[in-house]
Amino acid sequence: MEKRILSLIITLALCLAACTQQQNNNKNTKEKEVTNKVNLQNVDDVVAYFKENGLPIAETKKYTEEDDPNELLGRPGQYIGKVNFIDTNVVSKKVEDEKKDYGSEASSEEEIKKSMLEEFDTDSGGSFEIFKNNTDAKSRYDYISKISSDTGGILAEYDYVQKNILVRVSKSLTPKQAANYEKVLKELVK
């Protein structure tokens, strides 16, 4: 009788260990699937991932070596892909602010969006910058952080770096709204 109980306990322990191992394998497979679907060296893939995960990215502008406003795209140690975007929360905030300041004279949502499309800077939503490696991404992050600090916050923004990806987000967003970008970035590059 004791041998049967001991045999049953051993069998149950082995089954439990096998189930736990299978769950870990499934989790690792799902994480690999996310990474395999998204080429972390491709800015289009990264932007699509953020959109698919519910971030309110309305319009985007992908830069080339010829039209990059910073003249950094493709240069040694700099980003290899750059997309600026408009976040719909920023559009809404600018509409609200204009209504408060100008009342019925305020610009419409479409007019504000049109002016944002003309400027297409990070303050309109943000920017995705893709680098060859983490060292280059971290260097850019440090550079931007220093500028923000040196200007007393006038040029402040939320910046998140993981592996080779730097996500820059407009200070017009609330901390909670901006944190959603950080959360999705961390999920992407687990």
N, C-alpha and C. Protein backbone atom coordinates (compact mmCIF):
# COMPACT_ATOMS: atom_id res chain seq x y z
N MET A 1 0.82 -1.20 0.00
CA MET A 1 0.00 0.00 0.00
C MET A 1 0.86 1.27 0.00
N GLU A 2 1.93 1.24 0.86
CA GLU A 2 2.82 2.39 0.92
C GLU A 2 3.53 2.60 -0.40
N LYS A 3 3.90 1.48 -1.08
CA LYS A 3 4.58 1.59 -2.37
C LYS A 3 3.66 2.23 -3.40
N ARG A 4 2.37 1.92 -3.36
CA ARG A 4 1.41 2.50 -4.30
C ARG A 4 1.27 4.00 -4.07
N ILE A 5 1.19 4.39 -2.81
CA ILE A 5 1.06 5.81 -2.48
C ILE A 5 2.32 6.56 -2.91
N LEU A 6 3.47 5.98 -2.61
CA LEU A 6 4.72 6.60 -3.01
C LEU A 6 4.82 6.68 -4.52
N SER A 7 4.41 5.63 -5.19
CA SER A 7 4.42 5.62 -6.66
C SER A 7 3.48 6.68 -7.22
N LEU A 8 2.31 6.83 -6.59
CA LEU A 8 1.33 7.83 -7.01
C LEU A 8 1.87 9.25 -6.81
N ILE A 9 2.53 9.48 -5.69
CA ILE A 9 3.10 10.80 -5.39
C ILE A 9 4.19 11.13 -6.41
N ILE A 10 5.04 10.17 -6.71
CA ILE A 10 6.11 10.39 -7.70
C ILE A 10 5.51 10.68 -9.07
N THR A 11 4.49 9.94 -9.45
CA THR A 11 3.83 10.15 -10.74
C THR A 11 3.22 11.54 -10.81
N LEU A 12 2.54 11.95 -9.73
CA LEU A 12 1.94 13.28 -9.70
C LEU A 12 3.01 14.38 -9.77
N ALA A 13 4.12 14.19 -9.07
CA ALA A 13 5.20 15.17 -9.09
C ALA A 13 5.78 15.29 -10.49
N LEU A 14 5.97 14.17 -11.17
CA LEU A 14 6.49 14.19 -12.54
C LEU A 14 5.51 14.87 -13.49
N CYS A 15 4.23 14.59 -13.31
CA CYS A 15 3.20 15.24 -14.16
C CYS A 15 3.19 16.75 -13.93
N LEU A 16 3.29 17.16 -12.68
CA LEU A 16 3.30 18.58 -12.36
C LEU A 16 4.53 19.26 -12.96
N ALA A 17 5.67 18.62 -12.85
CA ALA A 17 6.89 19.17 -13.44
C ALA A 17 6.77 19.28 -14.95
N ALA A 18 6.19 18.28 -15.58
CA ALA A 18 6.02 18.31 -17.05
C ALA A 18 5.06 19.42 -17.46
N CYS A 19 3.98 19.61 -16.70
CA CYS A 19 3.02 20.67 -17.02
C CYS A 19 3.67 22.04 -16.88
N THR A 20 4.45 22.23 -15.80
CA THR A 20 5.13 23.50 -15.60
C THR A 20 6.11 23.78 -16.73
N GLN A 21 6.85 22.75 -17.14
CA GLN A 21 7.80 22.90 -18.24
C GLN A 21 7.07 23.27 -19.53
N GLN A 22 5.92 22.64 -19.78
CA GLN A 22 5.14 22.93 -20.98
C GLN A 22 4.63 24.37 -20.96
N GLN A 23 4.18 24.86 -19.79
CA GLN A 23 3.73 26.24 -19.68
C GLN A 23 4.87 27.21 -19.97
N ASN A 24 6.05 26.93 -19.43
CA ASN A 24 7.22 27.79 -19.69
C ASN A 24 7.58 27.78 -21.17
N ASN A 25 7.52 26.60 -21.80
CA ASN A 25 7.80 26.51 -23.23
C ASN A 25 6.81 27.32 -24.04
N ASN A 26 5.52 27.25 -23.67
CA ASN A 26 4.48 28.02 -24.38
C ASN A 26 4.73 29.52 -24.24
N LYS A 27 5.11 29.96 -23.02
CA LYS A 27 5.38 31.38 -22.79
C LYS A 27 6.57 31.83 -23.63
N ASN A 28 7.64 31.04 -23.64
CA ASN A 28 8.82 31.40 -24.43
C ASN A 28 8.50 31.43 -25.91
N THR A 29 7.67 30.50 -26.38
CA THR A 29 7.29 30.46 -27.78
C THR A 29 6.51 31.72 -28.15
N LYS A 30 5.57 32.14 -27.29
CA LYS A 30 4.79 33.35 -27.56
C LYS A 30 5.69 34.57 -27.62
N GLU A 31 6.65 34.66 -26.69
CA GLU A 31 7.58 35.80 -26.70
C GLU A 31 8.41 35.80 -27.97
N LYS A 32 8.87 34.63 -28.41
CA LYS A 32 9.66 34.54 -29.64
C LYS A 32 8.82 34.90 -30.85
N GLU A 33 7.53 34.52 -30.83
CA GLU A 33 6.64 34.85 -31.95
C GLU A 33 6.54 36.35 -32.12
N VAL A 34 6.40 37.10 -31.02
CA VAL A 34 6.32 38.56 -31.10
C VAL A 34 7.59 39.11 -31.71
N THR A 35 8.73 38.68 -31.21
CA THR A 35 10.00 39.17 -31.73
C THR A 35 10.20 38.76 -33.18
N ASN A 36 9.79 37.55 -33.53
CA ASN A 36 9.97 37.08 -34.90
C ASN A 36 9.09 37.85 -35.88
N LYS A 37 7.92 38.29 -35.44
CA LYS A 37 7.02 39.04 -36.31
C LYS A 37 7.51 40.46 -36.54
N VAL A 38 8.22 41.01 -35.57
CA VAL A 38 8.65 42.39 -35.64
C VAL A 38 10.17 42.42 -35.81
N ASN A 39 10.60 42.95 -36.93
CA ASN A 39 12.03 43.14 -37.17
C ASN A 39 12.44 44.41 -36.43
N LEU A 40 13.20 44.26 -35.36
CA LEU A 40 13.57 45.41 -34.53
C LEU A 40 14.53 46.37 -35.24
N GLN A 41 15.00 46.01 -36.41
CA GLN A 41 15.84 46.89 -37.21
C GLN A 41 15.02 47.65 -38.26
N ASN A 42 13.70 47.39 -38.29
CA ASN A 42 12.83 47.97 -39.31
C ASN A 42 11.83 48.90 -38.64
N VAL A 43 11.94 50.18 -38.89
CA VAL A 43 11.08 51.18 -38.23
C VAL A 43 9.61 50.98 -38.60
N ASP A 44 9.31 50.53 -39.81
CA ASP A 44 7.92 50.29 -40.20
C ASP A 44 7.29 49.17 -39.35
N ASP A 45 8.05 48.11 -39.10
CA ASP A 45 7.56 47.01 -38.27
C ASP A 45 7.30 47.49 -36.84
N VAL A 46 8.21 48.30 -36.33
CA VAL A 46 8.08 48.80 -34.96
C VAL A 46 6.84 49.69 -34.83
N VAL A 47 6.65 50.60 -35.77
CA VAL A 47 5.48 51.49 -35.74
C VAL A 47 4.19 50.66 -35.83
N ALA A 48 4.17 49.69 -36.72
CA ALA A 48 2.99 48.84 -36.88
C ALA A 48 2.67 48.11 -35.57
N TYR A 49 3.69 47.64 -34.88
CA TYR A 49 3.48 46.95 -33.60
C TYR A 49 2.81 47.88 -32.58
N PHE A 50 3.28 49.11 -32.51
CA PHE A 50 2.69 50.07 -31.56
C PHE A 50 1.23 50.35 -31.92
N LYS A 51 0.95 50.50 -33.20
CA LYS A 51 -0.44 50.74 -33.63
C LYS A 51 -1.32 49.53 -33.31
N GLU A 52 -0.81 48.33 -33.60
CA GLU A 52 -1.57 47.11 -33.33
C GLU A 52 -1.86 46.93 -31.85
N ASN A 53 -1.04 47.53 -31.01
CA ASN A 53 -1.23 47.42 -29.57
C ASN A 53 -1.99 48.60 -28.99
N GLY A 54 -2.74 49.30 -29.83
CA GLY A 54 -3.71 50.28 -29.38
C GLY A 54 -3.23 51.68 -29.11
N LEU A 55 -2.01 52.00 -29.46
CA LEU A 55 -1.57 53.37 -29.22
C LEU A 55 -2.17 54.31 -30.27
N PRO A 56 -2.58 55.49 -29.84
CA PRO A 56 -3.33 56.41 -30.71
C PRO A 56 -2.46 57.18 -31.70
N ILE A 57 -1.81 56.44 -32.58
CA ILE A 57 -0.96 57.05 -33.59
C ILE A 57 -1.82 57.32 -34.82
N ALA A 58 -1.98 58.61 -35.14
CA ALA A 58 -2.87 58.99 -36.24
C ALA A 58 -2.14 59.02 -37.57
N GLU A 59 -1.15 59.84 -37.67
CA GLU A 59 -0.40 60.04 -38.92
C GLU A 59 1.07 59.79 -38.63
N THR A 60 1.78 59.37 -39.66
CA THR A 60 3.22 59.15 -39.50
C THR A 60 3.98 59.76 -40.68
N LYS A 61 5.23 60.06 -40.42
CA LYS A 61 6.12 60.52 -41.48
C LYS A 61 7.44 59.78 -41.32
N LYS A 62 7.76 58.99 -42.34
CA LYS A 62 9.03 58.26 -42.34
C LYS A 62 10.07 59.10 -43.06
N TYR A 63 11.22 59.26 -42.43
CA TYR A 63 12.27 60.10 -43.00
C TYR A 63 13.26 59.29 -43.82
N THR A 64 13.89 59.98 -44.74
CA THR A 64 14.96 59.41 -45.55
C THR A 64 16.24 60.16 -45.22
N GLU A 65 17.34 59.70 -45.78
CA GLU A 65 18.62 60.39 -45.57
C GLU A 65 18.57 61.81 -46.11
N GLU A 66 17.74 62.05 -47.11
CA GLU A 66 17.67 63.37 -47.73
C GLU A 66 16.80 64.36 -46.96
N ASP A 67 15.74 63.88 -46.30
CA ASP A 67 14.82 64.82 -45.65
C ASP A 67 14.81 64.76 -44.12
N ASP A 68 15.71 63.99 -43.52
CA ASP A 68 15.79 63.92 -42.07
C ASP A 68 16.15 65.31 -41.53
N PRO A 69 15.28 65.90 -40.70
CA PRO A 69 15.55 67.26 -40.21
C PRO A 69 16.81 67.36 -39.35
N ASN A 70 17.23 66.26 -38.74
CA ASN A 70 18.43 66.27 -37.91
C ASN A 70 19.70 65.92 -38.68
N GLU A 71 19.52 65.49 -39.92
CA GLU A 71 20.63 65.05 -40.77
C GLU A 71 21.49 63.98 -40.08
N LEU A 72 20.81 63.03 -39.42
CA LEU A 72 21.50 61.95 -38.71
C LEU A 72 21.24 60.58 -39.33
N LEU A 73 20.16 60.44 -40.06
CA LEU A 73 19.76 59.13 -40.57
C LEU A 73 20.85 58.50 -41.42
N GLY A 74 21.28 57.32 -40.99
CA GLY A 74 22.29 56.57 -41.72
C GLY A 74 23.72 57.00 -41.46
N ARG A 75 23.89 58.08 -40.68
CA ARG A 75 25.25 58.53 -40.38
C ARG A 75 25.88 57.61 -39.33
N PRO A 76 27.21 57.54 -39.25
CA PRO A 76 27.86 56.65 -38.29
C PRO A 76 27.39 56.89 -36.86
N GLY A 77 26.99 55.81 -36.20
CA GLY A 77 26.56 55.87 -34.80
C GLY A 77 25.19 56.47 -34.58
N GLN A 78 24.47 56.77 -35.65
CA GLN A 78 23.16 57.41 -35.53
C GLN A 78 22.05 56.44 -35.93
N TYR A 79 20.82 56.93 -35.93
CA TYR A 79 19.70 56.04 -36.23
C TYR A 79 19.71 55.61 -37.69
N ILE A 80 19.14 54.40 -37.88
CA ILE A 80 19.05 53.82 -39.23
C ILE A 80 17.61 53.88 -39.73
N GLY A 81 16.70 54.29 -38.88
CA GLY A 81 15.31 54.47 -39.24
C GLY A 81 14.67 55.49 -38.32
N LYS A 82 13.82 56.35 -38.89
CA LYS A 82 13.16 57.38 -38.07
C LYS A 82 11.77 57.65 -38.62
N VAL A 83 10.79 57.62 -37.71
CA VAL A 83 9.41 57.97 -38.05
C VAL A 83 8.88 58.89 -36.96
N ASN A 84 8.37 60.06 -37.36
CA ASN A 84 7.65 60.92 -36.43
C ASN A 84 6.17 60.60 -36.56
N PHE A 85 5.42 60.84 -35.47
CA PHE A 85 3.99 60.53 -35.51
C PHE A 85 3.18 61.56 -34.75
N ILE A 86 1.91 61.61 -35.11
CA ILE A 86 0.95 62.45 -34.41
C ILE A 86 0.12 61.54 -33.52
N ASP A 87 0.01 61.90 -32.25
CA ASP A 87 -0.80 61.17 -31.28
C ASP A 87 -2.14 61.91 -31.17
N THR A 88 -3.24 61.18 -31.29
CA THR A 88 -4.56 61.83 -31.26
C THR A 88 -4.84 62.52 -29.92
N ASN A 89 -4.20 62.07 -28.84
CA ASN A 89 -4.37 62.75 -27.56
C ASN A 89 -3.77 64.15 -27.59
N VAL A 90 -2.68 64.32 -28.31
CA VAL A 90 -2.06 65.64 -28.44
C VAL A 90 -2.96 66.56 -29.25
N VAL A 91 -3.55 66.01 -30.32
CA VAL A 91 -4.48 66.80 -31.13
C VAL A 91 -5.63 67.29 -30.25
N SER A 92 -6.23 66.39 -29.50
CA SER A 92 -7.35 66.74 -28.62
C SER A 92 -6.96 67.81 -27.61
N LYS A 93 -5.77 67.67 -27.03
CA LYS A 93 -5.31 68.64 -26.04
C LYS A 93 -5.13 70.01 -26.68
N LYS A 94 -4.57 70.06 -27.88
CA LYS A 94 -4.35 71.35 -28.55
C LYS A 94 -5.69 72.00 -28.90
N VAL A 95 -6.67 71.21 -29.28
CA VAL A 95 -8.01 71.74 -29.57
C VAL A 95 -8.60 72.34 -28.29
N GLU A 96 -8.50 71.61 -27.20
CA GLU A 96 -9.01 72.09 -25.90
C GLU A 96 -8.32 73.39 -25.50
N ASP A 97 -6.99 73.41 -25.60
CA ASP A 97 -6.22 74.59 -25.21
C ASP A 97 -6.63 75.81 -26.04
N GLU A 98 -6.81 75.61 -27.34
CA GLU A 98 -7.21 76.74 -28.20
C GLU A 98 -8.61 77.23 -27.85
N LYS A 99 -9.50 76.32 -27.52
CA LYS A 99 -10.86 76.73 -27.14
C LYS A 99 -10.83 77.57 -25.88
N LYS A 100 -9.97 77.17 -24.93
CA LYS A 100 -9.84 77.94 -23.69
C LYS A 100 -9.28 79.33 -23.98
N ASP A 101 -8.27 79.38 -24.84
CA ASP A 101 -7.58 80.65 -25.12
C ASP A 101 -8.34 81.55 -26.09
N TYR A 102 -8.98 80.96 -27.09
CA TYR A 102 -9.57 81.78 -28.16
C TYR A 102 -11.08 81.63 -28.32
N GLY A 103 -11.70 80.76 -27.52
CA GLY A 103 -13.15 80.59 -27.60
C GLY A 103 -13.60 80.18 -28.99
N SER A 104 -14.56 80.92 -29.54
CA SER A 104 -15.12 80.56 -30.85
C SER A 104 -14.13 80.83 -31.99
N GLU A 105 -13.07 81.57 -31.71
CA GLU A 105 -12.04 81.86 -32.71
C GLU A 105 -11.03 80.72 -32.85
N ALA A 106 -11.17 79.69 -32.02
CA ALA A 106 -10.20 78.59 -32.01
C ALA A 106 -10.20 77.83 -33.33
N SER A 107 -9.06 77.27 -33.64
CA SER A 107 -8.94 76.44 -34.84
C SER A 107 -9.72 75.15 -34.66
N SER A 108 -10.16 74.59 -35.76
CA SER A 108 -10.85 73.31 -35.70
C SER A 108 -9.82 72.19 -35.55
N GLU A 109 -10.30 71.00 -35.22
CA GLU A 109 -9.42 69.84 -35.09
C GLU A 109 -8.66 69.59 -36.39
N GLU A 110 -9.35 69.74 -37.51
CA GLU A 110 -8.70 69.52 -38.81
C GLU A 110 -7.62 70.57 -39.08
N GLU A 111 -7.88 71.83 -38.70
CA GLU A 111 -6.88 72.88 -38.90
C GLU A 111 -5.64 72.62 -38.03
N ILE A 112 -5.87 72.20 -36.81
CA ILE A 112 -4.75 71.91 -35.91
C ILE A 112 -3.95 70.72 -36.45
N LYS A 113 -4.67 69.69 -36.88
CA LYS A 113 -3.99 68.52 -37.43
C LYS A 113 -3.18 68.89 -38.67
N LYS A 114 -3.74 69.77 -39.51
CA LYS A 114 -3.05 70.21 -40.72
C LYS A 114 -1.75 70.93 -40.35
N SER A 115 -1.80 71.80 -39.35
CA SER A 115 -0.59 72.52 -38.95
C SER A 115 0.43 71.56 -38.34
N MET A 116 -0.04 70.54 -37.63
CA MET A 116 0.86 69.54 -37.07
C MET A 116 1.53 68.73 -38.19
N LEU A 117 0.78 68.45 -39.25
CA LEU A 117 1.34 67.71 -40.38
C LEU A 117 2.42 68.51 -41.09
N GLU A 118 2.27 69.83 -41.11
CA GLU A 118 3.28 70.68 -41.74
C GLU A 118 4.58 70.68 -40.94
N GLU A 119 4.45 70.73 -39.62
CA GLU A 119 5.64 70.75 -38.75
C GLU A 119 6.18 69.35 -38.53
N PHE A 120 5.31 68.43 -38.23
CA PHE A 120 5.60 67.03 -37.95
C PHE A 120 6.79 66.84 -37.03
N ASP A 121 6.80 67.58 -35.93
CA ASP A 121 7.88 67.42 -34.97
C ASP A 121 7.46 66.51 -33.82
N THR A 122 8.40 66.20 -32.97
CA THR A 122 8.16 65.28 -31.86
C THR A 122 7.07 65.80 -30.93
N ASP A 123 6.93 67.10 -30.82
CA ASP A 123 5.92 67.67 -29.92
C ASP A 123 4.50 67.34 -30.35
N SER A 124 4.30 66.95 -31.60
CA SER A 124 2.96 66.59 -32.09
C SER A 124 2.54 65.19 -31.68
N GLY A 125 3.44 64.44 -31.15
CA GLY A 125 3.14 63.07 -30.74
C GLY A 125 4.40 62.38 -30.29
N GLY A 126 5.30 62.19 -31.25
CA GLY A 126 6.56 61.56 -30.87
C GLY A 126 7.36 61.09 -32.06
N SER A 127 8.33 60.26 -31.76
CA SER A 127 9.25 59.78 -32.79
C SER A 127 9.77 58.40 -32.40
N PHE A 128 9.91 57.56 -33.40
CA PHE A 128 10.58 56.27 -33.24
C PHE A 128 11.93 56.38 -33.94
N GLU A 129 12.99 56.07 -33.22
CA GLU A 129 14.32 56.08 -33.81
C GLU A 129 14.93 54.69 -33.59
N ILE A 130 15.34 54.07 -34.70
CA ILE A 130 15.88 52.72 -34.67
C ILE A 130 17.38 52.78 -34.94
N PHE A 131 18.15 52.08 -34.12
CA PHE A 131 19.60 52.09 -34.23
C PHE A 131 20.11 50.68 -34.53
N LYS A 132 21.37 50.59 -34.94
CA LYS A 132 21.97 49.28 -35.20
C LYS A 132 22.16 48.50 -33.91
N ASN A 133 22.36 49.23 -32.79
CA ASN A 133 22.63 48.55 -31.53
C ASN A 133 22.21 49.42 -30.35
N ASN A 134 22.27 48.81 -29.17
CA ASN A 134 21.87 49.50 -27.94
C ASN A 134 22.81 50.64 -27.60
N THR A 135 24.09 50.49 -27.86
CA THR A 135 25.06 51.53 -27.53
C THR A 135 24.72 52.84 -28.23
N ASP A 136 24.42 52.76 -29.52
CA ASP A 136 24.06 53.96 -30.29
C ASP A 136 22.74 54.55 -29.80
N ALA A 137 21.77 53.69 -29.50
CA ALA A 137 20.47 54.17 -29.00
C ALA A 137 20.64 54.88 -27.65
N LYS A 138 21.44 54.29 -26.78
CA LYS A 138 21.67 54.87 -25.46
C LYS A 138 22.41 56.20 -25.56
N SER A 139 23.36 56.30 -26.50
CA SER A 139 24.09 57.57 -26.70
C SER A 139 23.13 58.68 -27.11
N ARG A 140 22.23 58.37 -28.02
CA ARG A 140 21.24 59.36 -28.48
C ARG A 140 20.31 59.75 -27.32
N TYR A 141 19.88 58.75 -26.55
CA TYR A 141 19.02 58.99 -25.38
C TYR A 141 19.73 59.94 -24.41
N ASP A 142 21.00 59.67 -24.12
CA ASP A 142 21.76 60.52 -23.20
C ASP A 142 21.88 61.95 -23.74
N TYR A 143 22.13 62.08 -25.04
CA TYR A 143 22.25 63.39 -25.69
C TYR A 143 20.95 64.19 -25.55
N ILE A 144 19.82 63.55 -25.85
CA ILE A 144 18.52 64.23 -25.77
C ILE A 144 18.20 64.59 -24.32
N SER A 145 18.50 63.70 -23.40
CA SER A 145 18.25 63.97 -21.97
C SER A 145 19.05 65.18 -21.50
N LYS A 146 20.30 65.28 -21.97
CA LYS A 146 21.15 66.42 -21.58
C LYS A 146 20.57 67.72 -22.12
N ILE A 147 20.13 67.72 -23.36
CA ILE A 147 19.53 68.93 -23.93
C ILE A 147 18.32 69.35 -23.12
N SER A 148 17.47 68.39 -22.79
CA SER A 148 16.28 68.69 -21.99
C SER A 148 16.66 69.29 -20.64
N SER A 149 17.64 68.70 -20.00
CA SER A 149 18.10 69.18 -18.70
C SER A 149 18.73 70.57 -18.81
N ASP A 150 19.55 70.77 -19.83
CA ASP A 150 20.25 72.05 -20.01
C ASP A 150 19.30 73.20 -20.32
N THR A 151 18.13 72.90 -20.90
CA THR A 151 17.18 73.96 -21.25
C THR A 151 16.13 74.17 -20.16
N GLY A 152 16.33 73.54 -19.02
CA GLY A 152 15.40 73.72 -17.91
C GLY A 152 14.01 73.15 -18.18
N GLY A 153 13.94 72.17 -19.05
CA GLY A 153 12.67 71.51 -19.32
C GLY A 153 11.88 72.11 -20.46
N ILE A 154 12.37 73.19 -21.04
CA ILE A 154 11.65 73.80 -22.17
C ILE A 154 11.52 72.79 -23.31
N LEU A 155 12.55 72.02 -23.52
CA LEU A 155 12.53 71.00 -24.59
C LEU A 155 12.30 69.61 -24.01
N ALA A 156 11.59 69.54 -22.90
CA ALA A 156 11.34 68.25 -22.24
C ALA A 156 10.45 67.37 -23.10
N GLU A 157 10.63 66.08 -22.93
CA GLU A 157 9.79 65.06 -23.56
C GLU A 157 10.00 63.78 -22.78
N TYR A 158 9.15 62.80 -23.03
CA TYR A 158 9.33 61.48 -22.44
C TYR A 158 10.20 60.67 -23.41
N ASP A 159 11.23 60.04 -22.89
CA ASP A 159 12.10 59.24 -23.74
C ASP A 159 12.27 57.86 -23.14
N TYR A 160 12.12 56.84 -23.98
CA TYR A 160 12.25 55.45 -23.54
C TYR A 160 13.18 54.72 -24.48
N VAL A 161 14.17 54.04 -23.93
CA VAL A 161 15.10 53.28 -24.76
C VAL A 161 15.14 51.84 -24.28
N GLN A 162 15.02 50.93 -25.22
CA GLN A 162 15.13 49.50 -24.97
C GLN A 162 15.89 48.91 -26.15
N LYS A 163 16.92 48.16 -25.87
CA LYS A 163 17.77 47.57 -26.90
C LYS A 163 18.16 48.65 -27.91
N ASN A 164 17.76 48.49 -29.16
CA ASN A 164 18.17 49.43 -30.22
C ASN A 164 17.09 50.44 -30.59
N ILE A 165 16.05 50.55 -29.76
CA ILE A 165 14.91 51.42 -30.09
C ILE A 165 14.78 52.55 -29.08
N LEU A 166 14.68 53.76 -29.61
CA LEU A 166 14.41 54.95 -28.79
C LEU A 166 13.05 55.49 -29.19
N VAL A 167 12.16 55.59 -28.21
CA VAL A 167 10.83 56.16 -28.44
C VAL A 167 10.80 57.49 -27.70
N ARG A 168 10.54 58.54 -28.46
CA ARG A 168 10.44 59.89 -27.91
C ARG A 168 8.97 60.30 -27.97
N VAL A 169 8.45 60.80 -26.85
CA VAL A 169 7.02 61.10 -26.77
C VAL A 169 6.81 62.53 -26.25
N SER A 170 5.85 63.21 -26.85
CA SER A 170 5.54 64.61 -26.55
C SER A 170 5.22 64.84 -25.08
N LYS A 171 5.74 65.95 -24.55
CA LYS A 171 5.42 66.34 -23.17
C LYS A 171 3.96 66.77 -23.04
N SER A 172 3.25 66.95 -24.15
CA SER A 172 1.83 67.31 -24.11
C SER A 172 0.97 66.18 -23.58
N LEU A 173 1.50 64.95 -23.64
CA LEU A 173 0.76 63.81 -23.10
C LEU A 173 0.88 63.77 -21.59
N THR A 174 -0.11 63.21 -20.94
CA THR A 174 -0.03 63.02 -19.49
C THR A 174 0.99 61.92 -19.21
N PRO A 175 1.52 61.87 -18.01
CA PRO A 175 2.45 60.78 -17.69
C PRO A 175 1.83 59.39 -17.94
N LYS A 176 0.56 59.24 -17.64
CA LYS A 176 -0.10 57.94 -17.85
C LYS A 176 -0.19 57.61 -19.34
N GLN A 177 -0.52 58.60 -20.17
CA GLN A 177 -0.59 58.36 -21.62
C GLN A 177 0.79 58.01 -22.17
N ALA A 178 1.80 58.72 -21.74
CA ALA A 178 3.16 58.46 -22.21
C ALA A 178 3.65 57.09 -21.75
N ALA A 179 3.28 56.70 -20.54
CA ALA A 179 3.71 55.40 -20.01
C ALA A 179 3.21 54.23 -20.86
N ASN A 180 2.12 54.44 -21.60
CA ASN A 180 1.64 53.38 -22.48
C ASN A 180 2.66 53.06 -23.57
N TYR A 181 3.38 54.07 -24.03
CA TYR A 181 4.43 53.84 -25.03
C TYR A 181 5.57 53.01 -24.43
N GLU A 182 5.93 53.35 -23.20
CA GLU A 182 6.99 52.60 -22.53
C GLU A 182 6.57 51.14 -22.33
N LYS A 183 5.34 50.95 -21.91
CA LYS A 183 4.83 49.59 -21.68
C LYS A 183 4.89 48.75 -22.95
N VAL A 184 4.42 49.29 -24.05
CA VAL A 184 4.41 48.54 -25.32
C VAL A 184 5.84 48.29 -25.79
N LEU A 185 6.73 49.26 -25.59
CA LEU A 185 8.12 49.09 -25.97
C LEU A 185 8.74 47.92 -25.20
N LYS A 186 8.50 47.88 -23.90
CA LYS A 186 9.05 46.79 -23.07
C LYS A 186 8.48 45.45 -23.49
N GLU A 187 7.20 45.41 -23.84
CA GLU A 187 6.59 44.16 -24.32
C GLU A 187 7.23 43.71 -25.63
N LEU A 188 7.55 44.67 -26.48
CA LEU A 188 8.12 44.36 -27.79
C LEU A 188 9.51 43.74 -27.67
N VAL A 189 10.33 44.27 -26.80
CA VAL A 189 11.73 43.86 -26.76
C VAL A 189 12.09 42.98 -25.56
N LYS A 190 11.13 42.26 -25.03
CA LYS A 190 11.39 41.38 -23.88
C LYS A 190 12.62 40.54 -24.09
